Amino acid sequence: MRTCLITLFLLASTAPATAEDFKFVRELSHDWTIGGGGGTNGQGSCIAISEWPSETRGTTKLALWANNDGAILLTLTNRNWSAVQDAEYGDIQISTEDNTYTGGKSLGVASGIDKGFSTWMPMEFLGDFGKARRLAAKKGDGWMADLDMVGSGAALATLKDCLRGVARADAEWRRDAEQEAHLAEDPFKASSKPSVVAP
């Protein structure tokens, strides 16, 4: 299932693949999978995903998305939750042993039968993520998740490997784009009708 999610992530780009494209998929121990891609449009990214099954509370799925501009998006979903797509939730708290993150605007996510939230995290969260033994999430005063983060250090190291590959591919794409900037992307698009020369 995790590999299927990574495949969907890699196929999200509609641009055709080129020799410079970078695709990355790696499965790690402790149920972590890392994937990513770059070079197609100069804006590649990587994602780490895992899941925690529970017979009484359903399977909680975590996805940590990052790019080389410092954007970090954390998503938690569970089929038992009833979050509404794009609804704003301002009372969600994320905690590790070192820090608690509050006050951010979280948006509801409804992905198939799974529902939850996504929230943008500060850059320092990556360090906490890699060191964490547990990651907890609360909504208001109620606990949403309490996740055993074994393997998160290796997951973060692999995510950074992916981002380095993305950076190289994106830089090569931008160099190519600059070299070809004088070429029209679609030379036929400028004029709506061809000129007709009378005989």
Foldseek 3Di string as FASTA:
>chain_A
DVVVVQVCVVPPDPADDDPLKDWDWDADPPAKIKIWIAQRALWIKIKIKGWDADPVFAIKIWIWIDAPVFKIKIWIKGLPDDFDAQDWAQQKWKDFPPDIDHRWIWGWDDDPSIITTMTIDGNCVLVRQLPGQWMWMARHPHTDDIGGSPPSVVSSVVSVVVNVSNNVSSVVSVVVCVVCVVPDPDVVPPDPDDDDDDD
